[in-house]
Each structure stands twice: as C-alpha cells, then as structure tokens.
Amino acid sequence: MQYRHRQFGRPAVVSGIAMTAILTVLFFYAGRGQPLLMAIFAAALALEIVVHYLLSSLTVEVSADELSWHFGPCFWRRRVARSAIARVVGVRLPWWYGVGNESEVPDFRYPGT
C-alpha cells in the first residue's frame, strides 16, 4: 500500500511571483549605477526564489511501514513509523492556526512530537 499526495500552497506561489516581480523592478531601476545596491537586490532576489521554491509544496507519503512528509524537493524530510502512531483523527483547522503550532491548538500535536 502506497499513498502519495503533493499539495501546493497557493499563497506561497502567489507571494513568490509578487516578490520576484518587486525585487526585479527594484534591481533594474533603483539599483542602476549603484553596484552595491544592485548586489544587495540580487542577493535578496536569489534568496527569495530559493526559499519560495523550497517551501511552495508539501508532499505526504504513507507506506506499509511509515508516514513521511517533506517540503519542496525533499527539503526538511520527516519520517514516523506507522507503529508509533497511536491514533489518527481528521480535523479541519481554521487558516489562522497554521501548521505544527502546538501552543494555540488544544489537543493538536505536530507529527513526530
């Protein structure tokens, strides 16, 4: 038995496109003739593209032996043995709860804690 689901975060994709556009405009217009400023904008643009690429999707996989999940291209991979899972309950959390925040959601534990 193998289950695999990849979910793309629309806000992450949209914000990535918006930030790329903003930083590109700043890079070409505001930094013209100022090498240090252009270098700062180029570094910020590169960092923004990498971070958005790494965090734009979440993949969950369930096999006969384990549950695993990772962001983007296998970034921050976590695994839990299925035998270590005591119970599973489906929940629908409001968007403001976030994911993995134990302090604000009663009786909610991030997988693996």
N, C-alpha and C. Protein backbone atom coordinates (compact mmCIF):
# COMPACT_ATOMS: atom_id res chain seq x y z
N MET A 1 0.85 -1.18 0.00
CA MET A 1 0.00 0.00 0.00
C MET A 1 0.89 1.24 0.00
N GLN A 2 0.71 2.12 -0.97
CA GLN A 2 1.49 3.34 -1.06
C GLN A 2 0.55 4.50 -1.37
N TYR A 3 0.63 5.55 -0.57
CA TYR A 3 -0.17 6.75 -0.78
C TYR A 3 0.79 7.93 -0.88
N ARG A 4 0.57 8.79 -1.84
CA ARG A 4 1.40 9.98 -2.02
C ARG A 4 0.53 11.14 -2.46
N HIS A 5 0.66 12.27 -1.76
CA HIS A 5 -0.11 13.46 -2.12
C HIS A 5 0.79 14.68 -2.02
N ARG A 6 0.81 15.48 -3.08
CA ARG A 6 1.57 16.74 -3.09
C ARG A 6 0.58 17.89 -3.12
N GLN A 7 0.76 18.80 -2.20
CA GLN A 7 -0.13 19.96 -2.09
C GLN A 7 0.71 21.22 -2.28
N PHE A 8 0.28 22.07 -3.21
CA PHE A 8 0.96 23.34 -3.44
C PHE A 8 0.26 24.44 -2.65
N GLY A 9 1.04 25.27 -2.00
CA GLY A 9 0.49 26.40 -1.26
C GLY A 9 0.29 27.58 -2.19
N ARG A 10 -0.94 27.87 -2.54
CA ARG A 10 -1.21 28.99 -3.44
C ARG A 10 -0.67 30.31 -2.91
N PRO A 11 -0.83 30.61 -1.61
CA PRO A 11 -0.25 31.87 -1.12
C PRO A 11 1.26 31.92 -1.29
N ALA A 12 1.94 30.80 -1.13
CA ALA A 12 3.39 30.79 -1.30
C ALA A 12 3.77 31.04 -2.76
N VAL A 13 3.03 30.43 -3.68
CA VAL A 13 3.31 30.63 -5.10
C VAL A 13 3.01 32.07 -5.51
N VAL A 14 1.86 32.60 -5.08
CA VAL A 14 1.49 33.97 -5.43
C VAL A 14 2.46 34.97 -4.82
N SER A 15 2.82 34.78 -3.55
CA SER A 15 3.76 35.71 -2.93
C SER A 15 5.15 35.59 -3.56
N GLY A 16 5.52 34.40 -3.98
CA GLY A 16 6.80 34.23 -4.67
C GLY A 16 6.85 34.99 -5.98
N ILE A 17 5.77 34.91 -6.75
CA ILE A 17 5.70 35.65 -8.02
C ILE A 17 5.72 37.15 -7.76
N ALA A 18 4.94 37.60 -6.77
CA ALA A 18 4.88 39.03 -6.45
C ALA A 18 6.24 39.55 -5.97
N MET A 19 6.89 38.82 -5.07
CA MET A 19 8.19 39.26 -4.56
C MET A 19 9.25 39.25 -5.65
N THR A 20 9.19 38.26 -6.54
CA THR A 20 10.13 38.23 -7.65
C THR A 20 9.94 39.45 -8.54
N ALA A 21 8.69 39.80 -8.82
CA ALA A 21 8.42 40.98 -9.65
C ALA A 21 8.91 42.25 -8.97
N ILE A 22 8.61 42.41 -7.70
CA ILE A 22 9.01 43.62 -6.97
C ILE A 22 10.53 43.74 -6.91
N LEU A 23 11.20 42.66 -6.54
CA LEU A 23 12.66 42.70 -6.44
C LEU A 23 13.33 42.88 -7.80
N THR A 24 12.73 42.33 -8.86
CA THR A 24 13.29 42.52 -10.20
C THR A 24 13.19 43.98 -10.61
N VAL A 25 12.04 44.61 -10.36
CA VAL A 25 11.88 46.04 -10.67
C VAL A 25 12.89 46.87 -9.88
N LEU A 26 13.02 46.59 -8.59
CA LEU A 26 14.00 47.31 -7.77
C LEU A 26 15.42 47.07 -8.28
N PHE A 27 15.70 45.85 -8.67
CA PHE A 27 17.03 45.51 -9.15
C PHE A 27 17.40 46.32 -10.40
N PHE A 28 16.47 46.41 -11.35
CA PHE A 28 16.78 47.07 -12.61
C PHE A 28 16.64 48.59 -12.58
N TYR A 29 15.74 49.12 -11.75
CA TYR A 29 15.51 50.56 -11.78
C TYR A 29 16.16 51.31 -10.62
N ALA A 30 16.01 50.83 -9.42
CA ALA A 30 16.54 51.55 -8.27
C ALA A 30 18.05 51.36 -8.12
N GLY A 31 18.56 50.23 -8.58
CA GLY A 31 19.97 49.96 -8.40
C GLY A 31 20.85 50.40 -9.54
N ARG A 32 20.28 51.03 -10.54
CA ARG A 32 21.04 51.43 -11.72
C ARG A 32 22.17 52.39 -11.33
N GLY A 33 23.39 52.00 -11.68
CA GLY A 33 24.55 52.84 -11.40
C GLY A 33 25.09 52.71 -9.99
N GLN A 34 24.52 51.84 -9.18
CA GLN A 34 24.98 51.66 -7.81
C GLN A 34 25.28 50.17 -7.60
N PRO A 35 26.51 49.76 -7.80
CA PRO A 35 26.86 48.34 -7.76
C PRO A 35 26.54 47.66 -6.42
N LEU A 36 26.77 48.34 -5.31
CA LEU A 36 26.49 47.73 -4.01
C LEU A 36 25.00 47.47 -3.85
N LEU A 37 24.18 48.44 -4.21
CA LEU A 37 22.73 48.28 -4.12
C LEU A 37 22.24 47.17 -5.04
N MET A 38 22.81 47.09 -6.24
CA MET A 38 22.42 46.02 -7.17
C MET A 38 22.82 44.65 -6.61
N ALA A 39 23.96 44.57 -5.95
CA ALA A 39 24.39 43.30 -5.36
C ALA A 39 23.45 42.89 -4.23
N ILE A 40 23.00 43.86 -3.42
CA ILE A 40 22.06 43.55 -2.34
C ILE A 40 20.73 43.07 -2.90
N PHE A 41 20.21 43.76 -3.93
CA PHE A 41 18.95 43.33 -4.54
C PHE A 41 19.09 41.96 -5.20
N ALA A 42 20.22 41.69 -5.84
CA ALA A 42 20.44 40.39 -6.48
C ALA A 42 20.48 39.28 -5.43
N ALA A 43 21.15 39.52 -4.31
CA ALA A 43 21.20 38.52 -3.24
C ALA A 43 19.82 38.28 -2.64
N ALA A 44 19.07 39.36 -2.42
CA ALA A 44 17.71 39.22 -1.88
C ALA A 44 16.81 38.47 -2.86
N LEU A 45 16.94 38.75 -4.14
CA LEU A 45 16.15 38.06 -5.16
C LEU A 45 16.49 36.58 -5.20
N ALA A 46 17.77 36.24 -5.15
CA ALA A 46 18.18 34.84 -5.18
C ALA A 46 17.68 34.10 -3.93
N LEU A 47 17.81 34.73 -2.77
CA LEU A 47 17.33 34.11 -1.53
C LEU A 47 15.82 33.91 -1.56
N GLU A 48 15.10 34.90 -2.05
CA GLU A 48 13.63 34.80 -2.12
C GLU A 48 13.20 33.67 -3.05
N ILE A 49 13.85 33.53 -4.18
CA ILE A 49 13.49 32.48 -5.13
C ILE A 49 13.77 31.10 -4.52
N VAL A 50 14.90 30.93 -3.86
CA VAL A 50 15.24 29.64 -3.25
C VAL A 50 14.26 29.28 -2.14
N VAL A 51 13.97 30.22 -1.25
CA VAL A 51 13.05 29.95 -0.13
C VAL A 51 11.66 29.61 -0.64
N HIS A 52 11.15 30.37 -1.59
CA HIS A 52 9.81 30.07 -2.11
C HIS A 52 9.78 28.73 -2.83
N TYR A 53 10.85 28.39 -3.54
CA TYR A 53 10.89 27.09 -4.21
C TYR A 53 10.89 25.95 -3.19
N LEU A 54 11.67 26.10 -2.12
CA LEU A 54 11.77 25.04 -1.12
C LEU A 54 10.47 24.85 -0.34
N LEU A 55 9.72 25.92 -0.12
CA LEU A 55 8.54 25.84 0.75
C LEU A 55 7.21 25.95 0.01
N SER A 56 7.21 25.86 -1.30
CA SER A 56 5.96 26.05 -2.04
C SER A 56 5.06 24.83 -2.07
N SER A 57 5.58 23.66 -1.72
CA SER A 57 4.73 22.46 -1.74
C SER A 57 5.05 21.57 -0.54
N LEU A 58 4.08 20.75 -0.20
CA LEU A 58 4.23 19.76 0.86
C LEU A 58 3.80 18.41 0.30
N THR A 59 4.64 17.40 0.46
CA THR A 59 4.33 16.06 -0.01
C THR A 59 4.22 15.13 1.19
N VAL A 60 3.13 14.37 1.24
CA VAL A 60 2.89 13.39 2.29
C VAL A 60 2.86 12.01 1.63
N GLU A 61 3.60 11.08 2.22
CA GLU A 61 3.64 9.71 1.71
C GLU A 61 3.35 8.75 2.86
N VAL A 62 2.53 7.75 2.57
CA VAL A 62 2.22 6.71 3.55
C VAL A 62 2.53 5.37 2.89
N SER A 63 3.40 4.60 3.54
CA SER A 63 3.71 3.26 3.06
C SER A 63 3.24 2.25 4.11
N ALA A 64 3.54 1.01 3.89
CA ALA A 64 3.13 -0.02 4.84
C ALA A 64 3.84 0.14 6.18
N ASP A 65 5.02 0.76 6.17
CA ASP A 65 5.82 0.86 7.39
C ASP A 65 5.91 2.24 8.02
N GLU A 66 5.75 3.30 7.21
CA GLU A 66 5.98 4.63 7.76
C GLU A 66 5.14 5.72 7.09
N LEU A 67 5.06 6.83 7.82
CA LEU A 67 4.46 8.07 7.32
C LEU A 67 5.62 9.04 7.16
N SER A 68 5.73 9.68 5.99
CA SER A 68 6.80 10.66 5.79
C SER A 68 6.23 11.87 5.08
N TRP A 69 6.89 13.01 5.28
CA TRP A 69 6.48 14.24 4.62
C TRP A 69 7.71 15.11 4.40
N HIS A 70 7.65 15.94 3.36
CA HIS A 70 8.73 16.88 3.08
C HIS A 70 8.21 18.07 2.29
N PHE A 71 8.96 19.15 2.37
CA PHE A 71 8.64 20.36 1.62
C PHE A 71 9.43 20.37 0.33
N GLY A 72 8.83 20.93 -0.72
CA GLY A 72 9.52 21.12 -1.99
C GLY A 72 10.24 19.86 -2.45
N PRO A 73 11.49 20.00 -2.89
CA PRO A 73 12.25 18.85 -3.41
C PRO A 73 12.96 18.10 -2.28
N CYS A 74 12.21 17.44 -1.44
CA CYS A 74 12.73 16.64 -0.31
C CYS A 74 13.49 17.49 0.71
N PHE A 75 13.04 18.71 0.92
CA PHE A 75 13.63 19.59 1.91
C PHE A 75 12.92 19.38 3.24
N TRP A 76 13.66 19.23 4.30
CA TRP A 76 13.14 19.07 5.65
C TRP A 76 12.25 17.82 5.75
N ARG A 77 12.81 16.68 5.40
CA ARG A 77 12.07 15.41 5.38
C ARG A 77 11.94 14.87 6.80
N ARG A 78 10.75 14.41 7.13
CA ARG A 78 10.46 13.80 8.43
C ARG A 78 9.81 12.44 8.20
N ARG A 79 10.09 11.51 9.10
CA ARG A 79 9.52 10.15 9.00
C ARG A 79 9.05 9.69 10.37
N VAL A 80 7.94 8.97 10.37
CA VAL A 80 7.41 8.38 11.60
C VAL A 80 6.98 6.96 11.27
N ALA A 81 7.40 6.01 12.08
CA ALA A 81 6.97 4.63 11.88
C ALA A 81 5.47 4.53 12.13
N ARG A 82 4.79 3.79 11.31
CA ARG A 82 3.33 3.67 11.49
C ARG A 82 2.99 3.01 12.82
N SER A 83 3.87 2.17 13.31
CA SER A 83 3.62 1.53 14.60
C SER A 83 3.69 2.53 15.76
N ALA A 84 4.32 3.68 15.55
CA ALA A 84 4.42 4.71 16.58
C ALA A 84 3.21 5.64 16.61
N ILE A 85 2.32 5.51 15.64
CA ILE A 85 1.13 6.36 15.57
C ILE A 85 0.03 5.71 16.39
N ALA A 86 -0.42 6.41 17.45
CA ALA A 86 -1.43 5.86 18.35
C ALA A 86 -2.83 5.96 17.75
N ARG A 87 -3.15 7.11 17.17
CA ARG A 87 -4.48 7.28 16.56
C ARG A 87 -4.42 8.39 15.54
N VAL A 88 -5.38 8.37 14.65
CA VAL A 88 -5.48 9.39 13.61
C VAL A 88 -6.90 9.92 13.62
N VAL A 89 -7.01 11.23 13.64
CA VAL A 89 -8.32 11.88 13.65
C VAL A 89 -8.31 12.98 12.59
N GLY A 90 -9.31 13.00 11.74
CA GLY A 90 -9.42 14.06 10.75
C GLY A 90 -9.94 15.33 11.40
N VAL A 91 -9.28 16.43 11.12
CA VAL A 91 -9.70 17.73 11.65
C VAL A 91 -9.66 18.76 10.55
N ARG A 92 -10.46 19.80 10.70
CA ARG A 92 -10.41 20.94 9.80
C ARG A 92 -10.11 22.16 10.66
N LEU A 93 -8.89 22.65 10.52
CA LEU A 93 -8.44 23.78 11.33
C LEU A 93 -8.65 25.09 10.58
N PRO A 94 -8.98 26.16 11.28
CA PRO A 94 -9.05 27.47 10.63
C PRO A 94 -7.68 27.88 10.10
N TRP A 95 -7.65 28.71 9.10
CA TRP A 95 -6.39 29.09 8.46
C TRP A 95 -5.44 29.78 9.42
N TRP A 96 -5.95 30.46 10.44
CA TRP A 96 -5.07 31.22 11.32
C TRP A 96 -4.33 30.34 12.33
N TYR A 97 -4.63 29.05 12.39
CA TYR A 97 -3.93 28.16 13.30
C TYR A 97 -2.54 27.80 12.79
N GLY A 98 -2.34 27.83 11.50
CA GLY A 98 -1.05 27.42 10.96
C GLY A 98 -0.90 25.91 11.02
N VAL A 99 0.29 25.43 10.79
CA VAL A 99 0.56 24.00 10.82
C VAL A 99 1.70 23.75 11.80
N GLY A 100 1.48 22.83 12.71
CA GLY A 100 2.53 22.45 13.62
C GLY A 100 2.69 23.36 14.82
N ASN A 101 1.75 24.23 15.03
CA ASN A 101 1.84 25.14 16.17
C ASN A 101 1.10 24.52 17.34
N GLU A 102 1.85 23.95 18.27
CA GLU A 102 1.24 23.23 19.38
C GLU A 102 0.61 24.15 20.43
N SER A 103 1.09 25.37 20.52
CA SER A 103 0.67 26.22 21.63
C SER A 103 -0.72 26.81 21.45
N GLU A 104 -1.23 26.91 20.22
CA GLU A 104 -2.51 27.58 20.01
C GLU A 104 -3.67 26.63 19.76
N VAL A 105 -3.39 25.40 19.46
CA VAL A 105 -4.44 24.45 19.13
C VAL A 105 -4.53 23.41 20.24
N PRO A 106 -5.64 23.39 20.98
CA PRO A 106 -5.76 22.38 22.03
C PRO A 106 -5.80 20.97 21.45
N ASP A 107 -5.10 20.06 22.10
CA ASP A 107 -5.08 18.63 21.72
C ASP A 107 -4.55 18.39 20.31
N PHE A 108 -3.73 19.28 19.82
CA PHE A 108 -3.13 19.09 18.49
C PHE A 108 -1.63 18.94 18.67
N ARG A 109 -1.06 17.89 18.13
CA ARG A 109 0.37 17.67 18.21
C ARG A 109 0.92 17.51 16.80
N TYR A 110 2.02 18.16 16.57
CA TYR A 110 2.71 18.05 15.29
C TYR A 110 3.19 16.61 15.15
N PRO A 111 3.09 16.03 13.97
CA PRO A 111 3.52 14.66 13.79
C PRO A 111 4.96 14.47 14.24
N GLY A 112 5.18 13.49 15.04
CA GLY A 112 6.52 13.17 15.49
C GLY A 112 6.85 13.73 16.86
N THR A 113 5.92 14.48 17.48
CA THR A 113 6.23 15.03 18.82
C THR A 113 5.59 14.20 19.89
